[in-house]
């Protein structure tokens, strides 16, 4: 059995003053000291001494009660700009000067109970901690709220940069342990797949521990340092620009080389004789491109390296790298194999640029038909600057992907497949900490949510190892009854606000309010996001 040796700010004689979830722990193990209790909030079953916390730092022993250290997060709907976003409520039994909530301050459709801090359903035979009834626009609703223990989960990271990070399928490491891999690149972005059950449970104990720590940090919007085998060193954080090999990225490309040619062809026409846009994937050549031909641009006679795809589009002009356009090119002229002497002419004006405009050079062919670099004309420089202006800022996006098709469904219904079917029939809306969750098609309940749209510190861990993440299922009360829900545990929002979780034995409660991100719709008004 495990007991956390440190208190992390919780002295041995003092426990959190205002827990939200609190239930009597059973002294099951006769060999335990009488002062210890067994925490059954996860399979580790820590034995916790009075005034100390378990191995997950989420539960403590307070006078024989199992205390959820963090309060439940309630989302408050902001109805007016001058309405306060954070509304503190005093716990019952708190300071004498505080005024306890009297139930008259908020309407049911203005408050949403999230899974953040709510406690888990483990052991999974018991109903979810909060099964809350409310009324929305005259419709009786119910929201089933829990913190799920996710062994089957991962983090998908989208990194907006052309910079070469590593080969597809290359291992991604943290503290020397493999925690994921590089996956298929998308338009202007490199993609990482991190975590997952094989890293959590299929490797060494250290690999599992490092993986779960990495996933928790990224989910909680913290920075993480990673290395890619044969590739870059990264620092990534949700909502921030990536740092690649010590340099903070600035721009996401406006498009591939062919797209840049097409977008700006009309602006280049008349100011240049040829434009080459270097790109790791598709390099564009203006006069050969359909855009240049439609503008009646004179062929330049340029002969490109790489593999010609369609007119004006070239693949594999160079290898991936940290040079021009995400290639390993430092000298852009190296991708030009020559010029057709029957077509080219002295004085030809050539612009070479990258897909972000960060690299650009201006050349004029001399009498020997050799490109000579010169100062770029102001009119051309303005177009190159516009390419940069059209590049979005480089950013890291972090998506949590979890499989909720397992035992946590027992906290919702005694017949779990009915919940799965109801979700696929759009009768149930799934949210993660109140944030919209996309439900993948196919079997099971595989949900994906943007961590930036979730409340801060939504994720925790248990030492099994696994991720703790909030999840809520909202539906009509009649539909909940039809899918075999735990109707005897449905409680009004007022009762929840007064007494906490259903297994609370009347101990003090605390409420913590959080505003929804501005781009989130109200959870009880969201349409299901189904694949």
Protein backbone atom coordinates (compact mmCIF):
# COMPACT_ATOMS: atom_id res chain seq x y z
CA UNK A 1 0.00 0.00 0.00
CA UNK A 2 1.10 3.54 -0.67
CA UNK A 3 1.17 6.69 1.38
CA UNK A 4 2.57 9.96 0.16
CA UNK A 5 5.50 10.92 2.35
CA UNK A 6 5.18 14.61 1.61
CA UNK A 7 2.25 16.92 2.24
CA UNK A 8 2.77 19.44 -0.58
CA UNK A 9 1.69 22.36 1.60
CA UNK A 10 -0.58 20.19 3.73
CA UNK A 11 0.97 19.94 7.23
CA UNK A 12 0.43 16.70 9.08
CA UNK A 13 -1.83 18.51 11.55
CA UNK A 14 -3.93 20.32 8.97
CA UNK A 15 -5.96 19.31 5.92
CA UNK A 16 -7.74 21.47 3.33
CA UNK A 17 -10.33 23.62 5.03
CA UNK A 18 -12.95 23.44 2.31
CA UNK A 19 -13.14 20.10 0.46
CA UNK A 20 -16.02 19.55 -1.93
CA UNK A 21 -16.03 15.76 -2.04
CA UNK A 22 -15.83 13.95 1.25
CA UNK A 23 -16.85 10.41 2.16
CA UNK A 24 -16.26 8.06 5.03
CA UNK A 25 -13.47 5.62 4.22
CA UNK A 26 -13.76 2.05 5.40
CA UNK A 27 -11.00 0.46 7.47
CA UNK A 28 -10.90 -2.77 5.50
CA UNK A 29 -7.39 -3.96 6.17
CA UNK A 30 -6.99 -5.31 9.69
CA UNK A 31 -3.21 -4.90 9.46
CA UNK A 32 -3.52 -1.15 8.99
CA UNK A 33 -2.79 1.20 11.83
CA UNK A 34 -5.92 2.49 13.47
CA UNK A 35 -4.95 6.04 12.47
CA UNK A 36 -4.88 5.18 8.75
CA UNK A 37 -7.67 4.90 6.22
CA UNK A 38 -7.73 3.14 2.89
CA UNK A 39 -8.49 5.33 -0.13
CA UNK A 40 -10.51 3.46 -2.74
CA UNK A 41 -10.66 6.28 -5.28
CA UNK A 42 -8.37 4.30 -7.61
CA UNK A 43 -6.89 0.80 -7.80
CA UNK A 44 -3.73 1.79 -5.86
CA UNK A 45 -5.65 1.72 -2.53
CA UNK A 46 -3.32 4.02 -0.60
CA UNK A 47 -3.27 3.76 3.18
CA UNK A 48 -3.26 7.36 4.35
CA UNK A 49 -2.35 8.60 7.81
CA UNK A 50 -4.28 11.43 9.41
CA UNK A 51 -3.40 14.80 7.91
CA UNK A 52 -1.57 13.34 4.91
CA UNK A 53 -2.37 12.88 1.23
CA UNK A 54 -2.30 9.84 -1.03
CA UNK A 55 0.17 9.16 -3.78
CA UNK A 56 -1.88 11.14 -6.31
CA UNK A 57 -1.94 14.31 -4.16
CA UNK A 58 -5.72 14.40 -4.73
CA UNK A 59 -7.11 12.74 -1.60
CA UNK A 60 -6.32 13.24 2.09
CA UNK A 61 -7.25 11.76 5.46
CA UNK A 62 -9.21 14.25 7.51
CA UNK A 63 -10.33 12.78 10.83
CA UNK A 64 -11.17 9.45 9.22
CA UNK A 65 -12.80 11.02 6.18
CA UNK A 66 -11.47 10.63 2.66
CA UNK A 67 -11.19 14.21 1.40
CA UNK A 68 -10.94 15.32 -2.23
CA UNK A 69 -8.30 18.03 -1.87
CA UNK A 70 -9.41 20.19 -4.79
CA UNK A 71 -12.90 21.70 -4.89
CA UNK A 72 -15.36 20.94 -7.64
CA UNK A 73 -15.34 23.54 -10.42
CA UNK A 74 -18.74 24.98 -11.28
CA UNK A 75 -19.12 27.00 -14.46
CA UNK A 76 -21.17 30.14 -14.17
CA UNK A 77 -22.86 31.52 -17.23
CA UNK A 78 -21.96 35.16 -17.84
CA UNK A 79 -25.13 37.01 -18.76
CA UNK A 80 -23.85 40.59 -18.70
CA UNK A 81 -20.49 42.23 -19.17
CA UNK A 82 -20.60 43.83 -15.72
CA UNK A 83 -21.39 40.52 -14.00
CA UNK A 84 -18.46 39.18 -11.94
CA UNK A 85 -16.73 36.21 -13.46
CA UNK A 86 -15.48 34.69 -10.21
CA UNK A 87 -17.99 34.46 -7.38
CA UNK A 88 -16.60 33.06 -4.11
CA UNK A 89 -18.99 31.28 -1.80
CA UNK A 90 -18.15 30.57 1.84
CA UNK A 91 -18.27 26.93 2.94
CA UNK A 92 -20.79 25.91 5.55
CA UNK A 93 -19.13 26.02 8.91
CA UNK A 94 -16.62 28.61 7.64
CA UNK A 95 -15.69 31.99 9.01
CA UNK A 96 -18.24 33.64 11.23
CA UNK A 97 -18.16 36.76 9.08
CA UNK A 98 -19.03 34.85 5.91
CA UNK A 99 -22.57 34.49 4.64
CA UNK A 100 -23.49 31.02 3.37
CA UNK A 101 -25.22 30.71 0.02
CA UNK A 102 -29.01 30.72 0.39
CA UNK A 103 -29.98 29.22 -2.94
CA UNK A 104 -31.46 32.41 -4.34
CA UNK A 105 -28.52 33.81 -6.29
CA UNK A 106 -28.54 31.75 -9.48
CA UNK A 107 -30.96 29.97 -11.76
CA UNK A 108 -30.35 26.33 -12.61
CA UNK A 109 -29.70 27.03 -16.28
CA UNK A 110 -26.88 29.45 -15.36
CA UNK A 111 -24.75 26.91 -13.48
CA UNK A 112 -23.00 23.81 -14.79
CA UNK A 113 -21.30 21.26 -12.56
CA UNK A 114 -18.07 20.04 -14.21
CA UNK A 115 -16.11 16.90 -13.55
CA UNK A 116 -13.08 18.91 -12.39
CA UNK A 117 -12.60 18.00 -8.73
CA UNK A 118 -15.73 15.86 -8.62
CA UNK A 119 -14.06 12.54 -7.72
CA UNK A 120 -14.21 9.29 -9.65
CA UNK A 121 -16.71 6.47 -9.82
CA UNK A 122 -14.05 3.97 -8.75
CA UNK A 123 -14.83 1.26 -7.73
CA UNK A 124 -17.06 1.44 -10.73
CA UNK A 125 -20.13 -0.27 -9.36
CA UNK A 126 -21.26 2.99 -7.75
CA UNK A 127 -23.07 5.89 -9.45
CA UNK A 128 -21.23 9.01 -10.53
CA UNK A 129 -20.60 11.53 -7.73
CA UNK A 130 -22.95 14.12 -9.24
CA UNK A 131 -26.14 13.33 -11.15
CA UNK A 132 -27.65 16.78 -11.35
CA UNK A 133 -31.13 17.74 -12.50
CA UNK A 134 -31.83 21.15 -13.96
CA UNK A 135 -34.27 22.82 -16.30
CA UNK A 136 -33.22 24.49 -19.54
CA UNK A 137 -35.84 26.48 -21.46
CA UNK A 138 -38.57 24.49 -19.79
CA UNK A 139 -36.99 21.10 -20.51
CA UNK A 140 -36.05 18.80 -17.61
CA UNK A 141 -32.38 17.90 -18.01
CA UNK A 142 -29.87 15.78 -16.14
CA UNK A 143 -26.06 15.95 -16.21
CA UNK A 144 -23.95 13.02 -15.02
CA UNK A 145 -20.62 14.30 -13.75
CA UNK A 146 -17.44 12.42 -12.89
CA UNK A 147 -13.67 12.36 -13.13
CA UNK A 148 -12.72 9.48 -15.38
CA UNK A 149 -9.65 7.30 -14.81
CA UNK A 150 -8.28 7.00 -18.35
CA UNK A 151 -5.68 4.36 -19.19
CA UNK A 152 -6.72 4.50 -22.83
CA UNK A 153 -5.96 8.10 -23.70
CA UNK A 154 -3.45 10.20 -25.59
CA UNK A 155 -2.46 13.74 -26.45
CA UNK A 156 -2.45 14.95 -30.05
CA UNK A 157 -0.26 17.99 -30.65
CA UNK A 158 -0.44 20.21 -33.72
CA UNK A 159 2.66 22.39 -34.12
CA UNK A 160 2.26 25.17 -36.67
CA UNK A 161 5.67 25.38 -38.33
CA UNK A 162 7.48 24.38 -41.50
CA UNK A 163 10.55 23.60 -39.44
CA UNK A 164 11.69 20.01 -39.71
CA UNK A 165 11.10 18.25 -36.40
CA UNK A 166 11.85 14.66 -37.25
CA UNK A 167 11.01 11.77 -39.54
CA UNK A 168 7.53 10.35 -39.54
CA UNK A 169 7.31 7.53 -36.95
CA UNK A 170 10.39 8.83 -35.11
CA UNK A 171 10.26 8.36 -31.35
CA UNK A 172 9.47 11.35 -29.16
CA UNK A 173 11.21 11.28 -25.78
CA UNK A 174 10.92 13.01 -22.44
CA UNK A 175 13.69 12.54 -19.89
CA UNK A 176 15.06 9.79 -22.13
CA UNK A 177 11.84 7.77 -22.14
CA UNK A 178 9.79 7.18 -25.29
CA UNK A 179 6.43 8.90 -24.81
CA UNK A 180 5.09 9.03 -28.38
CA UNK A 181 6.00 9.49 -32.01
CA UNK A 182 5.93 11.89 -34.93
CA UNK A 183 2.87 11.29 -37.07
CA UNK A 184 1.70 12.48 -40.47
CA UNK A 185 2.28 16.17 -41.20
CA UNK A 186 -0.70 18.34 -42.03
CA UNK A 187 -0.97 21.58 -44.01
CA UNK A 188 1.68 23.84 -42.51
CA UNK A 189 1.84 21.86 -39.29
CA UNK A 190 3.84 19.05 -37.77
CA UNK A 191 1.88 16.52 -35.71
CA UNK A 192 2.82 14.51 -32.63
CA UNK A 193 0.95 11.61 -31.06
CA UNK A 194 1.88 11.38 -27.39
CA UNK A 195 0.91 9.04 -24.58
CA UNK A 196 -1.43 6.12 -25.10
CA UNK A 197 -1.91 2.85 -23.30
CA UNK A 198 1.22 1.19 -24.69
CA UNK A 199 3.46 3.85 -23.18
CA UNK A 200 1.44 4.05 -19.97
CA UNK A 201 1.31 0.32 -19.28
CA UNK A 202 3.36 -1.51 -21.90
CA UNK A 203 6.85 -0.33 -21.03
CA UNK A 204 8.90 0.13 -17.90
CA UNK A 205 7.53 1.70 -14.73
CA UNK A 206 9.61 4.80 -15.43
CA UNK A 207 8.25 5.08 -18.97
CA UNK A 208 4.70 4.93 -17.66
CA UNK A 209 5.38 7.51 -14.96
CA UNK A 210 7.13 9.94 -17.32
CA UNK A 211 4.36 9.51 -19.89
CA UNK A 212 1.56 10.28 -17.46
CA UNK A 213 3.45 13.29 -16.08
CA UNK A 214 3.93 14.60 -19.61
CA UNK A 215 0.25 14.14 -20.45
CA UNK A 216 -0.90 15.84 -17.27
CA UNK A 217 1.40 18.81 -17.86
CA UNK A 218 0.29 19.31 -21.48
CA UNK A 219 -3.36 18.90 -20.52
CA UNK A 220 -2.97 21.51 -17.81
CA UNK A 221 -1.48 23.97 -20.31
CA UNK A 222 2.08 23.72 -18.99
CA UNK A 223 5.32 23.64 -20.99
CA UNK A 224 7.02 20.32 -21.71
CA UNK A 225 10.52 19.69 -23.10
CA UNK A 226 10.78 16.87 -25.64
CA UNK A 227 13.40 15.46 -28.00
CA UNK A 228 12.82 13.62 -31.26
CA UNK A 229 15.13 10.83 -32.32
CA UNK A 230 17.23 12.11 -35.22
CA UNK A 231 15.43 15.42 -35.10
CA UNK A 232 14.72 18.51 -33.04
CA UNK A 233 14.59 19.50 -29.42
CA UNK A 234 11.22 21.00 -28.57
CA UNK A 235 9.48 22.99 -25.89
CA UNK A 236 5.74 22.89 -26.45
CA UNK A 237 2.82 24.39 -24.55
CA UNK A 238 -0.85 24.73 -25.49
CA UNK A 239 -1.58 28.16 -26.88
CA UNK A 240 2.09 29.15 -27.18
CA UNK A 241 4.60 29.22 -30.01
CA UNK A 242 6.85 26.14 -30.11
CA UNK A 243 10.54 26.48 -29.34
CA UNK A 244 12.54 24.40 -31.81
CA UNK A 245 16.24 23.88 -31.07
CA UNK A 246 16.20 26.88 -28.77
CA UNK A 247 14.50 29.25 -31.26
CA UNK A 248 10.91 30.36 -30.83
CA UNK A 249 8.96 29.86 -34.04
CA UNK A 250 7.13 32.84 -35.47
CA UNK A 251 5.09 31.91 -38.53
CA UNK A 252 2.94 29.21 -39.98
CA UNK A 253 3.25 29.14 -43.77
CA UNK A 254 0.53 30.73 -45.86
CA UNK A 255 0.40 27.62 -48.05
CA UNK A 256 2.61 25.25 -50.00
CA UNK A 257 4.88 26.62 -52.74
CA UNK A 258 2.22 26.07 -55.37
CA UNK A 259 -0.42 27.81 -53.24
CA UNK A 260 1.81 30.85 -52.68
CA UNK A 261 2.36 31.12 -56.44
CA UNK A 262 -1.36 30.94 -57.07
CA UNK A 263 -2.34 33.41 -54.35
CA UNK A 264 0.15 36.12 -55.30
CA UNK A 265 0.55 35.52 -59.05
CA UNK A 266 -1.47 38.55 -60.09
CA UNK A 267 0.53 40.80 -57.75
CA UNK A 268 3.85 39.50 -59.09
CA UNK A 269 2.83 39.85 -62.72
CA UNK A 270 4.68 42.72 -64.38
CA UNK A 271 7.19 43.12 -61.53
CA UNK A 272 9.08 39.83 -61.97
CA UNK A 273 9.90 37.45 -64.78
CA UNK A 274 10.05 34.32 -62.62
CA UNK A 275 9.20 33.35 -59.03
CA UNK A 276 10.29 30.15 -57.31
CA UNK A 277 8.71 29.37 -53.92
CA UNK A 278 10.77 26.76 -52.09
CA UNK A 279 8.87 24.18 -50.10
CA UNK A 280 9.75 20.82 -48.59
CA UNK A 281 6.62 19.34 -50.14
CA UNK A 282 5.52 21.25 -53.26
CA UNK A 283 7.81 23.89 -54.76
CA UNK A 284 6.07 26.34 -57.07
CA UNK A 285 7.40 27.93 -60.29
CA UNK A 286 5.29 30.87 -61.47
CA UNK A 287 5.66 30.92 -65.28
CA UNK A 288 5.05 27.16 -65.58
CA UNK A 289 2.18 27.23 -63.09
CA UNK A 290 -1.36 27.46 -64.40
CA UNK A 291 -1.71 30.84 -62.66
CA UNK A 292 1.23 32.26 -64.63
CA UNK A 293 0.01 30.77 -67.88
CA UNK A 294 -3.46 32.28 -67.37
CA UNK A 295 -1.77 35.66 -66.88
CA UNK A 296 0.13 35.16 -70.17
CA UNK A 297 3.50 35.29 -68.47
CA UNK A 298 6.44 34.55 -70.76
CA UNK A 299 8.20 31.21 -70.00
CA UNK A 300 11.56 31.75 -68.35
CA UNK A 301 13.30 28.56 -69.43
CA UNK A 302 14.19 27.63 -65.86
CA UNK A 303 15.15 24.00 -65.32
CA UNK A 304 14.39 22.77 -61.81
CA UNK A 305 15.73 19.88 -59.82
CA UNK A 306 13.44 17.47 -58.04
CA UNK A 307 10.52 15.56 -59.50
CA UNK A 308 8.05 17.42 -61.67
CA UNK A 309 4.45 16.76 -60.73
CA UNK A 310 2.14 18.97 -62.79
CA UNK A 311 3.18 22.18 -64.57
CA UNK A 312 4.83 24.54 -62.11
CA UNK A 313 4.74 22.06 -59.21
CA UNK A 314 7.85 20.11 -58.12
CA UNK A 315 8.28 17.46 -55.46
CA UNK A 316 11.50 16.52 -53.62
CA UNK A 317 13.62 19.49 -54.67
CA UNK A 318 15.56 19.00 -51.42
CA UNK A 319 15.51 17.07 -48.18
CA UNK A 320 13.59 18.21 -45.09
CA UNK A 321 15.54 20.52 -42.82
CA UNK A 322 15.77 23.86 -41.08
CA UNK A 323 16.60 25.94 -44.14
CA UNK A 324 14.48 27.61 -46.78
CA UNK A 325 10.82 26.46 -46.81
CA UNK A 326 11.42 23.61 -44.40
CA UNK A 327 14.17 22.13 -46.58
CA UNK A 328 17.89 21.64 -45.92
CA UNK A 329 18.68 24.34 -48.49
CA UNK A 330 20.86 27.29 -47.50
CA UNK A 331 21.61 28.44 -51.07
CA UNK A 332 18.32 28.62 -53.01
CA UNK A 333 20.09 28.64 -56.38
CA UNK A 334 21.23 25.07 -55.74
CA UNK A 335 17.81 23.72 -56.74
CA UNK A 336 18.10 25.27 -60.22
CA UNK A 337 19.77 22.86 -62.63
CA UNK A 338 20.08 25.34 -65.49
CA UNK A 339 18.27 27.48 -68.05
CA UNK A 340 17.05 26.69 -71.56
CA UNK A 341 19.30 28.88 -73.73
CA UNK A 342 16.60 29.04 -76.41
CA UNK A 343 14.16 30.65 -73.98
CA UNK A 344 16.05 32.53 -71.26
CA UNK A 345 17.40 36.06 -71.71
CA UNK A 346 19.89 38.38 -69.98
CA UNK A 347 18.26 40.71 -67.48
CA UNK A 348 15.65 38.15 -66.42
CA UNK A 349 14.31 39.10 -62.96
CA UNK A 350 14.08 36.16 -60.55
CA UNK A 351 12.55 36.12 -57.08
CA UNK A 352 13.19 33.15 -54.81
CA UNK A 353 11.25 33.02 -51.56
CA UNK A 354 10.05 30.60 -48.90
CA UNK A 355 6.44 29.81 -48.03
CA UNK A 356 6.56 32.19 -45.05
CA UNK A 357 8.54 35.01 -46.67
CA UNK A 358 11.18 34.67 -43.96
CA UNK A 359 13.72 33.81 -46.66
CA UNK A 360 13.75 35.78 -49.90
CA UNK A 361 16.37 36.81 -52.48
CA UNK A 362 16.29 38.85 -55.71
CA UNK A 363 18.43 37.92 -58.71
CA UNK A 364 19.01 39.35 -62.19
CA UNK A 365 20.62 37.21 -64.93
CA UNK A 366 23.80 38.70 -66.39
CA UNK A 367 25.07 38.42 -69.96
CA UNK A 368 26.33 34.90 -69.20
CA UNK A 369 22.87 33.94 -67.99
CA UNK A 370 24.10 33.61 -64.42
CA UNK A 371 21.86 34.82 -61.54
CA UNK A 372 23.42 37.75 -59.70
CA UNK A 373 21.90 38.76 -56.39
CA UNK A 374 20.83 42.40 -56.19
CA UNK A 375 18.80 44.62 -53.89
CA UNK A 376 15.15 43.73 -54.02
CA UNK A 377 12.86 46.40 -55.51
CA UNK A 378 10.49 47.98 -53.00
CA UNK A 379 7.42 46.82 -54.93
CA UNK A 380 8.57 43.20 -54.81
CA UNK A 381 9.61 43.49 -51.16
CA UNK A 382 6.07 44.64 -50.37
CA UNK A 383 4.66 41.43 -51.85
CA UNK A 384 7.14 39.28 -49.91
CA UNK A 385 6.11 41.14 -46.76
CA UNK A 386 2.49 40.43 -47.63
CA UNK A 387 3.30 36.72 -47.79
CA UNK A 388 4.55 37.02 -44.21
CA UNK A 389 1.53 39.08 -43.24
CA UNK A 390 -0.74 36.27 -44.42
CA UNK A 391 1.06 33.70 -42.28
CA UNK A 392 -0.74 32.92 -39.02
CA UNK A 393 1.34 32.92 -35.83
CA UNK A 394 3.08 29.68 -35.02
CA UNK A 395 1.14 27.90 -32.28
CA UNK A 396 0.90 24.62 -30.38
CA UNK A 397 -2.57 23.07 -30.16
CA UNK A 398 -3.10 20.28 -27.63
CA UNK A 399 -6.03 17.88 -27.91
CA UNK A 400 -6.96 15.33 -25.25
CA UNK A 401 -8.21 12.06 -26.73
CA UNK A 402 -9.77 9.58 -24.32
CA UNK A 403 -11.67 6.33 -24.50
CA UNK A 404 -14.71 6.63 -22.24
CA UNK A 405 -16.24 3.39 -23.43
CA UNK A 406 -15.15 1.41 -20.36
CA UNK A 407 -16.29 1.02 -16.81
CA UNK A 408 -16.97 4.69 -16.04
CA UNK A 409 -20.22 4.15 -17.96
CA UNK A 410 -21.44 2.16 -14.96
CA UNK A 411 -21.56 5.45 -13.10
CA UNK A 412 -24.18 6.59 -15.61
CA UNK A 413 -26.31 3.51 -16.17
CA UNK A 414 -26.57 -0.15 -15.24
CA UNK A 415 -26.69 -1.02 -18.96
CA UNK A 416 -23.62 0.75 -20.41
CA UNK A 417 -24.28 -0.01 -24.08
CA UNK A 418 -27.42 2.10 -23.89
CA UNK A 419 -25.31 5.14 -23.03
CA UNK A 420 -23.06 4.48 -26.01
CA UNK A 421 -26.04 4.15 -28.32
CA UNK A 422 -27.69 7.28 -26.93
CA UNK A 423 -24.53 9.31 -27.58
CA UNK A 424 -24.35 8.07 -31.17
CA UNK A 425 -28.04 8.94 -31.59
CA UNK A 426 -27.27 12.52 -30.46
CA UNK A 427 -29.48 12.14 -27.38
CA UNK A 428 -26.53 12.78 -25.05
CA UNK A 429 -24.04 15.63 -25.22
CA UNK A 430 -20.54 14.87 -23.95
CA UNK A 431 -18.35 17.62 -22.51
CA UNK A 432 -14.97 17.67 -20.79
CA UNK A 433 -14.91 20.21 -18.00
CA UNK A 434 -17.79 21.95 -19.78
CA UNK A 435 -15.81 22.24 -23.01
CA UNK A 436 -17.16 20.77 -26.27
CA UNK A 437 -15.98 17.23 -26.94
CA UNK A 438 -15.92 15.66 -30.39
CA UNK A 439 -17.16 12.05 -30.31
CA UNK A 440 -15.41 9.86 -32.85
CA UNK A 441 -17.53 7.61 -35.08
CA UNK A 442 -17.47 3.86 -34.71
CA UNK A 443 -17.73 1.76 -31.59
CA UNK A 444 -17.20 2.92 -28.04
CA UNK A 445 -17.09 6.47 -26.70
CA UNK A 446 -13.88 8.06 -27.94
CA UNK A 447 -13.90 11.78 -27.16
CA UNK A 448 -11.51 14.58 -28.10
CA UNK A 449 -11.35 18.05 -26.58
CA UNK A 450 -9.13 21.12 -26.90
CA UNK A 451 -7.42 21.60 -23.54
CA UNK A 452 -7.43 25.39 -23.99
CA UNK A 453 -11.24 25.30 -23.82
CA UNK A 454 -11.21 23.40 -20.54
CA UNK A 455 -10.85 24.93 -17.06
CA UNK A 456 -7.32 25.29 -15.70
CA UNK A 457 -5.86 22.25 -13.94
CA UNK A 458 -8.53 19.93 -15.35
CA UNK A 459 -6.19 16.92 -15.42
CA UNK A 460 -4.72 14.80 -12.67
CA UNK A 461 -3.04 11.43 -12.40
CA UNK A 462 -3.09 8.25 -10.37
CA UNK A 463 0.01 6.12 -9.90
CA UNK A 464 -1.35 3.08 -11.77
CA UNK A 465 -0.42 5.12 -13.99
CA UNK A 466 -3.44 6.74 -15.60
CA UNK A 467 -4.82 10.17 -16.40
CA UNK A 468 -7.73 11.69 -14.48
CA UNK A 469 -9.91 13.85 -16.72
CA UNK A 470 -13.35 15.42 -16.28
CA UNK A 471 -16.28 14.20 -18.30
CA UNK A 472 -19.95 15.10 -18.26
CA UNK A 473 -22.97 13.54 -19.98
CA UNK A 474 -25.98 15.85 -20.42
CA UNK A 475 -29.39 14.70 -21.65
CA UNK A 476 -33.12 15.01 -21.15
CA UNK A 477 -34.32 13.52 -17.89
CA UNK A 478 -36.71 11.25 -19.80
CA UNK A 479 -33.86 9.94 -21.96
CA UNK A 480 -31.76 9.30 -18.85
CA UNK A 481 -34.57 7.23 -17.38
CA UNK A 482 -34.98 5.33 -20.65
CA UNK A 483 -31.31 4.30 -20.79
CA UNK A 484 -31.49 2.86 -17.28
CA UNK A 485 -29.89 5.71 -15.37
CA UNK A 486 -29.43 5.81 -11.61
CA UNK A 487 -32.68 7.68 -11.01
CA UNK A 488 -32.52 7.36 -7.21
CA UNK A 489 -29.30 9.41 -7.28
CA UNK A 490 -30.65 12.30 -9.36
CA UNK A 491 -30.48 15.43 -7.22
CA UNK A 492 -31.40 19.04 -7.81
CA UNK A 493 -28.74 21.65 -8.45
CA UNK A 494 -29.76 23.37 -5.22
CA UNK A 495 -29.14 20.17 -3.25
CA UNK A 496 -25.77 19.72 -4.97
CA UNK A 497 -24.74 23.26 -4.14
CA UNK A 498 -25.75 22.80 -0.52
CA UNK A 499 -24.38 19.33 0.17
CA UNK A 500 -21.85 18.32 -2.48
CA UNK A 501 -21.57 14.80 -3.90
CA UNK A 502 -24.22 12.18 -3.11
CA UNK A 503 -21.80 10.27 -0.88
CA UNK A 504 -20.99 13.40 1.13
CA UNK A 505 -21.91 12.89 4.78
CA UNK A 506 -22.76 16.49 5.55
CA UNK A 507 -19.24 17.83 5.92
CA UNK A 508 -18.30 21.37 4.80
CA UNK A 509 -18.41 22.12 1.09
CA UNK A 510 -16.60 24.63 -1.08
CA UNK A 511 -17.54 26.03 -4.46
CA UNK A 512 -15.07 27.24 -7.04
CA UNK A 513 -16.38 29.14 -10.04
CA UNK A 514 -14.74 29.45 -13.42
CA UNK A 515 -15.70 31.33 -16.55
CA UNK A 516 -16.03 29.46 -19.79
CA UNK A 517 -13.58 30.40 -22.55
CA UNK A 518 -15.16 32.96 -24.85
CA UNK A 519 -15.40 30.56 -27.78
CA UNK A 520 -17.28 27.92 -25.77
CA UNK A 521 -21.03 27.73 -25.99
CA UNK A 522 -22.97 26.98 -22.84
CA UNK A 523 -22.65 23.20 -22.15
CA UNK A 524 -26.37 22.63 -21.71
CA UNK A 525 -27.04 24.37 -25.00
CA UNK A 526 -24.40 22.60 -27.08
CA UNK A 527 -25.34 20.24 -29.87
CA UNK A 528 -23.46 16.94 -29.71
CA UNK A 529 -20.19 16.99 -31.69
CA UNK A 530 -20.43 13.66 -33.46
CA UNK A 531 -18.22 12.20 -36.13
